[in-house]
Amino acid sequence: MFLPFLLFVLLALLLQSNMFDMSDPSGPNSGTFHLSPHATGAEFRAQMKKSGLQFSLTPDPAGGLRIQRRTSLHGLQTTYYVNQRWEDMLRRSKQKRELLTRTEEAVLEAQRDYLAHRCEAESQQQRAQKRAVAPEVCGEYHRYRKALA
């Protein structure tokens, strides 16, 4: 007898909350992008993905990632691709420099992670073939790791 009443009250409270309000401009489904000043690289990438702003290290025309950009942050040259929404956001953003810098940092971190996986895979392959030569990609990975430290 008491349990159905309790469930009814909890359901009523949930429905009254603004968690389900799609018209709330600050809600999770608003599509706006606000930079959090203390967000880590992973949190920043999650904020970008949630707001529809994306980048990739490879072009993906089907996913809309076709606008090529290049970063030279920290002296590391990396090409990346963004979608039209990201380009539009950059054009009209008041925080243009911060958005660009944070995105380029995220791009370099993604490239570093990619190189780390490639270095590990090629090192294991070299060990399996009983070669004592370090793969070239490991040198590039260490350069990225040192620059981003």
N, C-alpha and C. Protein backbone atom coordinates (compact mmCIF):
# COMPACT_ATOMS: atom_id res chain seq x y z
N MET A 1 0.82 -1.19 0.00
CA MET A 1 0.00 0.00 0.00
C MET A 1 0.88 1.26 0.00
N PHE A 2 1.89 1.26 0.81
CA PHE A 2 2.76 2.43 0.91
C PHE A 2 3.72 2.54 -0.28
N LEU A 3 4.17 1.42 -0.83
CA LEU A 3 5.13 1.42 -1.93
C LEU A 3 4.59 2.08 -3.20
N PRO A 4 3.37 1.79 -3.66
CA PRO A 4 2.87 2.50 -4.85
C PRO A 4 2.77 4.01 -4.65
N PHE A 5 2.39 4.44 -3.45
CA PHE A 5 2.30 5.86 -3.17
C PHE A 5 3.68 6.51 -3.23
N LEU A 6 4.68 5.85 -2.68
CA LEU A 6 6.05 6.35 -2.70
C LEU A 6 6.58 6.45 -4.14
N LEU A 7 6.31 5.43 -4.95
CA LEU A 7 6.72 5.48 -6.35
C LEU A 7 6.03 6.61 -7.09
N PHE A 8 4.76 6.84 -6.81
CA PHE A 8 4.02 7.92 -7.44
C PHE A 8 4.64 9.28 -7.10
N VAL A 9 4.99 9.48 -5.85
CA VAL A 9 5.58 10.74 -5.41
C VAL A 9 6.96 10.95 -6.07
N LEU A 10 7.77 9.91 -6.12
CA LEU A 10 9.08 10.02 -6.76
C LEU A 10 8.95 10.33 -8.26
N LEU A 11 8.02 9.68 -8.92
CA LEU A 11 7.80 9.94 -10.33
C LEU A 11 7.32 11.37 -10.56
N ALA A 12 6.44 11.86 -9.70
CA ALA A 12 5.95 13.23 -9.81
C ALA A 12 7.09 14.23 -9.63
N LEU A 13 7.98 13.98 -8.68
CA LEU A 13 9.13 14.87 -8.46
C LEU A 13 10.08 14.87 -9.67
N LEU A 14 10.31 13.70 -10.24
CA LEU A 14 11.18 13.63 -11.41
C LEU A 14 10.60 14.37 -12.60
N LEU A 15 9.31 14.24 -12.81
CA LEU A 15 8.68 14.91 -13.94
C LEU A 15 8.63 16.42 -13.77
N GLN A 16 8.63 16.90 -12.54
CA GLN A 16 8.62 18.34 -12.29
C GLN A 16 10.01 18.96 -12.43
N SER A 17 11.04 18.15 -12.34
CA SER A 17 12.39 18.71 -12.44
C SER A 17 12.65 19.17 -13.86
N ASN A 18 13.62 20.07 -14.03
CA ASN A 18 13.92 20.58 -15.36
C ASN A 18 14.88 19.67 -16.12
N MET A 19 15.10 18.46 -15.61
CA MET A 19 15.93 17.50 -16.32
C MET A 19 15.27 17.11 -17.64
N PHE A 20 13.94 17.11 -17.69
CA PHE A 20 13.22 16.73 -18.89
C PHE A 20 12.72 17.94 -19.68
N ASP A 21 13.09 19.13 -19.29
CA ASP A 21 12.63 20.34 -19.96
C ASP A 21 13.55 20.64 -21.14
N MET A 22 13.07 20.41 -22.35
CA MET A 22 13.89 20.61 -23.54
C MET A 22 14.02 22.09 -23.92
N SER A 23 13.18 22.94 -23.35
CA SER A 23 13.25 24.36 -23.69
C SER A 23 14.24 25.13 -22.82
N ASP A 24 14.79 24.50 -21.82
CA ASP A 24 15.74 25.15 -20.91
C ASP A 24 17.05 25.41 -21.66
N PRO A 25 17.45 26.69 -21.84
CA PRO A 25 18.65 26.98 -22.62
C PRO A 25 19.94 26.51 -21.97
N SER A 26 19.94 26.27 -20.69
CA SER A 26 21.17 25.82 -20.04
C SER A 26 21.15 24.32 -19.79
N GLY A 27 20.15 23.65 -20.28
CA GLY A 27 20.00 22.22 -20.06
C GLY A 27 21.00 21.40 -20.86
N PRO A 28 21.02 20.10 -20.60
CA PRO A 28 22.00 19.25 -21.27
C PRO A 28 21.75 19.07 -22.75
N ASN A 29 20.54 19.37 -23.24
CA ASN A 29 20.22 19.18 -24.65
C ASN A 29 20.17 20.49 -25.42
N SER A 30 20.77 21.53 -24.89
CA SER A 30 20.63 22.85 -25.49
C SER A 30 21.45 23.02 -26.76
N GLY A 31 22.55 22.29 -26.91
CA GLY A 31 23.39 22.42 -28.10
C GLY A 31 24.34 23.60 -28.03
N THR A 32 24.31 24.37 -26.94
CA THR A 32 25.24 25.49 -26.81
C THR A 32 26.54 24.97 -26.23
N PHE A 33 27.59 25.72 -26.42
CA PHE A 33 28.90 25.29 -25.96
C PHE A 33 29.49 26.35 -25.06
N HIS A 34 29.73 26.00 -23.82
CA HIS A 34 30.34 26.91 -22.86
C HIS A 34 31.64 26.27 -22.40
N LEU A 35 32.73 26.98 -22.51
CA LEU A 35 34.01 26.45 -22.08
C LEU A 35 34.11 26.47 -20.57
N SER A 36 34.45 25.35 -20.02
CA SER A 36 34.71 25.29 -18.59
C SER A 36 36.19 25.60 -18.40
N PRO A 37 36.53 26.60 -17.60
CA PRO A 37 37.93 26.99 -17.48
C PRO A 37 38.82 25.94 -16.83
N HIS A 38 38.23 25.02 -16.08
CA HIS A 38 39.04 24.03 -15.37
C HIS A 38 38.88 22.63 -15.94
N ALA A 39 38.29 22.49 -17.11
CA ALA A 39 38.06 21.18 -17.70
C ALA A 39 39.37 20.57 -18.17
N THR A 40 39.54 19.28 -17.90
CA THR A 40 40.72 18.58 -18.40
C THR A 40 40.51 18.28 -19.87
N GLY A 41 41.53 17.72 -20.51
CA GLY A 41 41.42 17.40 -21.93
C GLY A 41 40.26 16.46 -22.24
N ALA A 42 40.10 15.42 -21.41
CA ALA A 42 39.01 14.46 -21.64
C ALA A 42 37.66 15.12 -21.42
N GLU A 43 37.55 15.96 -20.39
CA GLU A 43 36.28 16.65 -20.13
C GLU A 43 35.97 17.63 -21.26
N PHE A 44 36.99 18.30 -21.79
CA PHE A 44 36.79 19.23 -22.89
C PHE A 44 36.30 18.49 -24.13
N ARG A 45 36.91 17.32 -24.43
CA ARG A 45 36.45 16.53 -25.58
C ARG A 45 35.02 16.08 -25.38
N ALA A 46 34.65 15.73 -24.14
CA ALA A 46 33.26 15.33 -23.87
C ALA A 46 32.31 16.50 -24.06
N GLN A 47 32.73 17.71 -23.64
CA GLN A 47 31.90 18.91 -23.85
C GLN A 47 31.71 19.16 -25.34
N MET A 48 32.78 19.00 -26.11
CA MET A 48 32.69 19.22 -27.55
C MET A 48 31.73 18.22 -28.19
N LYS A 49 31.88 16.96 -27.83
CA LYS A 49 31.04 15.92 -28.43
C LYS A 49 29.58 16.14 -28.08
N LYS A 50 29.32 16.52 -26.84
CA LYS A 50 27.95 16.75 -26.38
C LYS A 50 27.30 17.90 -27.13
N SER A 51 28.06 18.90 -27.49
CA SER A 51 27.51 20.07 -28.18
C SER A 51 27.54 19.93 -29.70
N GLY A 52 28.02 18.80 -30.21
CA GLY A 52 28.04 18.58 -31.65
C GLY A 52 29.28 19.09 -32.34
N LEU A 53 30.23 19.62 -31.58
CA LEU A 53 31.50 20.08 -32.15
C LEU A 53 32.46 18.90 -32.15
N GLN A 54 33.02 18.60 -33.30
CA GLN A 54 33.86 17.42 -33.39
C GLN A 54 35.14 17.73 -34.15
N PHE A 55 36.16 16.92 -33.86
CA PHE A 55 37.38 16.95 -34.66
C PHE A 55 37.83 15.51 -34.83
N SER A 56 38.66 15.30 -35.82
CA SER A 56 39.19 13.97 -36.08
C SER A 56 40.57 14.12 -36.68
N LEU A 57 41.39 13.10 -36.51
CA LEU A 57 42.72 13.12 -37.10
C LEU A 57 42.68 12.65 -38.55
N THR A 58 41.56 12.08 -38.97
CA THR A 58 41.38 11.63 -40.36
C THR A 58 40.08 12.22 -40.90
N PRO A 59 40.01 12.48 -42.20
CA PRO A 59 38.77 13.04 -42.76
C PRO A 59 37.65 12.00 -42.73
N ASP A 60 36.43 12.47 -42.49
CA ASP A 60 35.25 11.60 -42.47
C ASP A 60 34.10 12.37 -43.10
N PRO A 61 34.03 12.39 -44.44
CA PRO A 61 32.97 13.15 -45.10
C PRO A 61 31.57 12.70 -44.70
N ALA A 62 31.38 11.42 -44.43
CA ALA A 62 30.07 10.92 -44.02
C ALA A 62 29.67 11.50 -42.66
N GLY A 63 30.64 11.72 -41.79
CA GLY A 63 30.38 12.29 -40.47
C GLY A 63 30.46 13.81 -40.45
N GLY A 64 30.71 14.42 -41.61
CA GLY A 64 30.76 15.87 -41.69
C GLY A 64 32.12 16.46 -41.36
N LEU A 65 33.11 15.63 -41.12
CA LEU A 65 34.45 16.12 -40.75
C LEU A 65 35.28 16.28 -42.02
N ARG A 66 35.11 17.43 -42.68
CA ARG A 66 35.81 17.62 -43.95
C ARG A 66 36.59 18.91 -44.03
N ILE A 67 36.50 19.78 -43.05
CA ILE A 67 37.25 21.04 -43.08
C ILE A 67 38.62 20.79 -42.45
N GLN A 68 39.66 20.93 -43.26
CA GLN A 68 41.01 20.64 -42.79
C GLN A 68 41.61 21.84 -42.09
N ARG A 69 42.23 21.58 -40.95
CA ARG A 69 42.95 22.61 -40.20
C ARG A 69 44.30 22.02 -39.81
N ARG A 70 45.21 22.89 -39.42
CA ARG A 70 46.55 22.43 -39.02
C ARG A 70 46.96 23.19 -37.78
N THR A 71 47.51 22.46 -36.83
CA THR A 71 47.99 23.10 -35.61
C THR A 71 49.52 23.02 -35.57
N SER A 72 50.12 24.05 -35.01
CA SER A 72 51.56 24.03 -34.78
C SER A 72 51.83 24.39 -33.32
N LEU A 73 50.86 24.10 -32.48
CA LEU A 73 50.99 24.37 -31.05
C LEU A 73 52.14 23.56 -30.47
N HIS A 74 52.94 24.14 -29.61
CA HIS A 74 54.11 23.51 -28.97
C HIS A 74 55.13 23.05 -30.01
N GLY A 75 55.09 23.60 -31.22
CA GLY A 75 56.03 23.21 -32.26
C GLY A 75 55.74 21.86 -32.89
N LEU A 76 54.58 21.29 -32.60
CA LEU A 76 54.20 19.99 -33.17
C LEU A 76 53.22 20.23 -34.31
N GLN A 77 53.54 19.76 -35.49
CA GLN A 77 52.69 19.94 -36.67
C GLN A 77 51.71 18.77 -36.77
N THR A 78 50.43 19.04 -36.69
CA THR A 78 49.40 18.00 -36.80
C THR A 78 48.23 18.53 -37.61
N THR A 79 47.79 17.74 -38.57
CA THR A 79 46.62 18.08 -39.36
C THR A 79 45.40 17.42 -38.72
N TYR A 80 44.29 18.14 -38.67
CA TYR A 80 43.05 17.57 -38.14
C TYR A 80 41.88 18.11 -38.93
N TYR A 81 40.74 17.50 -38.76
CA TYR A 81 39.54 17.85 -39.53
C TYR A 81 38.41 18.17 -38.56
N VAL A 82 37.63 19.18 -38.90
CA VAL A 82 36.51 19.60 -38.06
C VAL A 82 35.23 19.63 -38.90
N ASN A 83 34.09 19.67 -38.19
CA ASN A 83 32.82 19.77 -38.91
C ASN A 83 32.44 21.24 -39.09
N GLN A 84 31.45 21.49 -39.91
CA GLN A 84 31.03 22.85 -40.23
C GLN A 84 30.54 23.58 -38.98
N ARG A 85 29.89 22.86 -38.08
CA ARG A 85 29.38 23.48 -36.86
C ARG A 85 30.53 24.05 -36.02
N TRP A 86 31.64 23.32 -35.94
CA TRP A 86 32.81 23.79 -35.19
C TRP A 86 33.34 25.06 -35.85
N GLU A 87 33.43 25.06 -37.17
CA GLU A 87 33.96 26.22 -37.90
C GLU A 87 33.06 27.44 -37.67
N ASP A 88 31.74 27.24 -37.71
CA ASP A 88 30.80 28.34 -37.46
C ASP A 88 30.92 28.86 -36.03
N MET A 89 31.06 27.94 -35.08
CA MET A 89 31.20 28.33 -33.67
C MET A 89 32.46 29.16 -33.48
N LEU A 90 33.54 28.77 -34.13
CA LEU A 90 34.79 29.51 -34.01
C LEU A 90 34.65 30.91 -34.59
N ARG A 91 33.95 31.02 -35.70
CA ARG A 91 33.78 32.30 -36.37
C ARG A 91 33.01 33.30 -35.50
N ARG A 92 32.01 32.85 -34.76
CA ARG A 92 31.17 33.79 -34.01
C ARG A 92 31.41 33.76 -32.50
N SER A 93 32.37 32.98 -32.05
CA SER A 93 32.62 32.85 -30.62
C SER A 93 33.36 34.06 -30.06
N LYS A 94 32.99 34.43 -28.84
CA LYS A 94 33.71 35.50 -28.14
C LYS A 94 35.01 34.96 -27.56
N GLN A 95 35.04 33.66 -27.32
CA GLN A 95 36.22 33.02 -26.76
C GLN A 95 37.00 32.29 -27.85
N LYS A 96 37.15 32.93 -29.00
CA LYS A 96 37.73 32.29 -30.18
C LYS A 96 39.11 31.71 -29.89
N ARG A 97 39.97 32.50 -29.31
CA ARG A 97 41.34 32.04 -29.07
C ARG A 97 41.36 30.88 -28.08
N GLU A 98 40.55 30.97 -27.03
CA GLU A 98 40.52 29.89 -26.04
C GLU A 98 39.96 28.61 -26.64
N LEU A 99 38.89 28.73 -27.43
CA LEU A 99 38.31 27.55 -28.07
C LEU A 99 39.31 26.89 -29.01
N LEU A 100 40.01 27.70 -29.80
CA LEU A 100 40.99 27.17 -30.74
C LEU A 100 42.15 26.51 -29.99
N THR A 101 42.65 27.14 -28.96
CA THR A 101 43.77 26.58 -28.20
C THR A 101 43.38 25.28 -27.51
N ARG A 102 42.20 25.27 -26.88
CA ARG A 102 41.75 24.05 -26.19
C ARG A 102 41.53 22.91 -27.19
N THR A 103 40.99 23.24 -28.36
CA THR A 103 40.78 22.20 -29.37
C THR A 103 42.11 21.67 -29.87
N GLU A 104 43.06 22.56 -30.11
CA GLU A 104 44.37 22.12 -30.58
C GLU A 104 45.08 21.28 -29.52
N GLU A 105 44.92 21.63 -28.25
CA GLU A 105 45.48 20.80 -27.17
C GLU A 105 44.86 19.40 -27.21
N ALA A 106 43.53 19.34 -27.39
CA ALA A 106 42.84 18.05 -27.45
C ALA A 106 43.30 17.25 -28.67
N VAL A 107 43.53 17.93 -29.79
CA VAL A 107 44.03 17.26 -31.00
C VAL A 107 45.40 16.66 -30.73
N LEU A 108 46.28 17.44 -30.11
CA LEU A 108 47.63 16.94 -29.83
C LEU A 108 47.60 15.78 -28.84
N GLU A 109 46.71 15.84 -27.85
CA GLU A 109 46.58 14.73 -26.91
C GLU A 109 46.08 13.48 -27.61
N ALA A 110 45.13 13.64 -28.53
CA ALA A 110 44.61 12.49 -29.28
C ALA A 110 45.71 11.90 -30.16
N GLN A 111 46.51 12.76 -30.78
CA GLN A 111 47.62 12.28 -31.61
C GLN A 111 48.66 11.57 -30.75
N ARG A 112 48.95 12.11 -29.58
CA ARG A 112 49.90 11.47 -28.66
C ARG A 112 49.40 10.08 -28.25
N ASP A 113 48.11 9.98 -27.93
CA ASP A 113 47.54 8.68 -27.54
C ASP A 113 47.61 7.68 -28.69
N TYR A 114 47.32 8.16 -29.90
CA TYR A 114 47.41 7.30 -31.08
C TYR A 114 48.85 6.80 -31.27
N LEU A 115 49.81 7.71 -31.14
CA LEU A 115 51.21 7.32 -31.31
C LEU A 115 51.65 6.36 -30.21
N ALA A 116 51.13 6.52 -29.00
CA ALA A 116 51.47 5.61 -27.90
C ALA A 116 51.02 4.19 -28.23
N HIS A 117 49.80 4.06 -28.74
CA HIS A 117 49.29 2.74 -29.10
C HIS A 117 50.09 2.13 -30.25
N ARG A 118 50.42 2.96 -31.24
CA ARG A 118 51.21 2.46 -32.37
C ARG A 118 52.61 2.06 -31.94
N CYS A 119 53.21 2.85 -31.05
CA CYS A 119 54.55 2.54 -30.54
C CYS A 119 54.55 1.21 -29.81
N GLU A 120 53.55 1.02 -28.96
CA GLU A 120 53.45 -0.23 -28.20
C GLU A 120 53.27 -1.42 -29.14
N ALA A 121 52.40 -1.28 -30.13
CA ALA A 121 52.14 -2.38 -31.07
C ALA A 121 53.39 -2.72 -31.88
N GLU A 122 54.06 -1.70 -32.38
CA GLU A 122 55.25 -1.95 -33.19
C GLU A 122 56.41 -2.47 -32.34
N SER A 123 56.49 -2.04 -31.09
CA SER A 123 57.53 -2.56 -30.19
C SER A 123 57.31 -4.04 -29.93
N GLN A 124 56.05 -4.43 -29.72
CA GLN A 124 55.76 -5.85 -29.50
C GLN A 124 56.06 -6.66 -30.75
N GLN A 125 55.77 -6.10 -31.90
CA GLN A 125 56.06 -6.79 -33.15
C GLN A 125 57.57 -6.95 -33.32
N GLN A 126 58.34 -5.92 -32.98
CA GLN A 126 59.81 -6.00 -33.07
C GLN A 126 60.34 -7.07 -32.12
N ARG A 127 59.79 -7.11 -30.89
CA ARG A 127 60.24 -8.12 -29.92
C ARG A 127 59.90 -9.52 -30.39
N ALA A 128 58.73 -9.68 -31.01
CA ALA A 128 58.33 -10.99 -31.51
C ALA A 128 59.26 -11.46 -32.62
N GLN A 129 59.79 -10.53 -33.38
CA GLN A 129 60.72 -10.87 -34.45
C GLN A 129 62.17 -10.86 -33.96
N LYS A 130 62.34 -10.66 -32.66
CA LYS A 130 63.64 -10.67 -31.99
C LYS A 130 64.61 -9.64 -32.58
N ARG A 131 64.08 -8.45 -32.86
CA ARG A 131 64.91 -7.34 -33.32
C ARG A 131 65.12 -6.38 -32.16
N ALA A 132 66.28 -5.79 -32.10
CA ALA A 132 66.60 -4.87 -31.00
C ALA A 132 66.48 -3.41 -31.42
N VAL A 133 65.84 -3.14 -32.55
CA VAL A 133 65.73 -1.78 -33.06
C VAL A 133 64.42 -1.16 -32.57
N ALA A 134 64.51 0.06 -32.06
CA ALA A 134 63.30 0.76 -31.61
C ALA A 134 62.56 1.31 -32.83
N PRO A 135 61.24 1.15 -32.89
CA PRO A 135 60.47 1.68 -34.03
C PRO A 135 60.56 3.21 -34.11
N GLU A 136 60.49 3.74 -35.34
CA GLU A 136 60.56 5.19 -35.54
C GLU A 136 59.41 5.92 -34.86
N VAL A 137 58.25 5.29 -34.85
CA VAL A 137 57.07 5.94 -34.29
C VAL A 137 57.26 6.21 -32.79
N CYS A 138 58.09 5.43 -32.13
CA CYS A 138 58.33 5.65 -30.70
C CYS A 138 59.07 6.97 -30.46
N GLY A 139 59.98 7.32 -31.35
CA GLY A 139 60.67 8.60 -31.24
C GLY A 139 59.70 9.76 -31.38
N GLU A 140 58.77 9.63 -32.32
CA GLU A 140 57.76 10.67 -32.51
C GLU A 140 56.84 10.75 -31.30
N TYR A 141 56.48 9.58 -30.75
CA TYR A 141 55.64 9.56 -29.55
C TYR A 141 56.33 10.26 -28.38
N HIS A 142 57.61 9.99 -28.19
CA HIS A 142 58.34 10.61 -27.08
C HIS A 142 58.46 12.12 -27.27
N ARG A 143 58.56 12.56 -28.53
CA ARG A 143 58.60 14.00 -28.82
C ARG A 143 57.27 14.65 -28.42
N TYR A 144 56.15 14.01 -28.75
CA TYR A 144 54.83 14.54 -28.37
C TYR A 144 54.66 14.52 -26.86
N ARG A 145 55.09 13.42 -26.24
CA ARG A 145 54.93 13.30 -24.79
C ARG A 145 55.72 14.38 -24.06
N LYS A 146 56.93 14.64 -24.52
CA LYS A 146 57.77 15.66 -23.88
C LYS A 146 57.17 17.06 -24.08
N ALA A 147 56.67 17.34 -25.28
CA ALA A 147 56.11 18.67 -25.57
C ALA A 147 54.82 18.92 -24.80
N LEU A 148 54.04 17.88 -24.55
CA LEU A 148 52.76 18.06 -23.86
C LEU A 148 52.85 17.88 -22.36
N ALA A 149 54.02 17.58 -21.85
CA ALA A 149 54.17 17.36 -20.40
C ALA A 149 54.05 18.64 -19.62
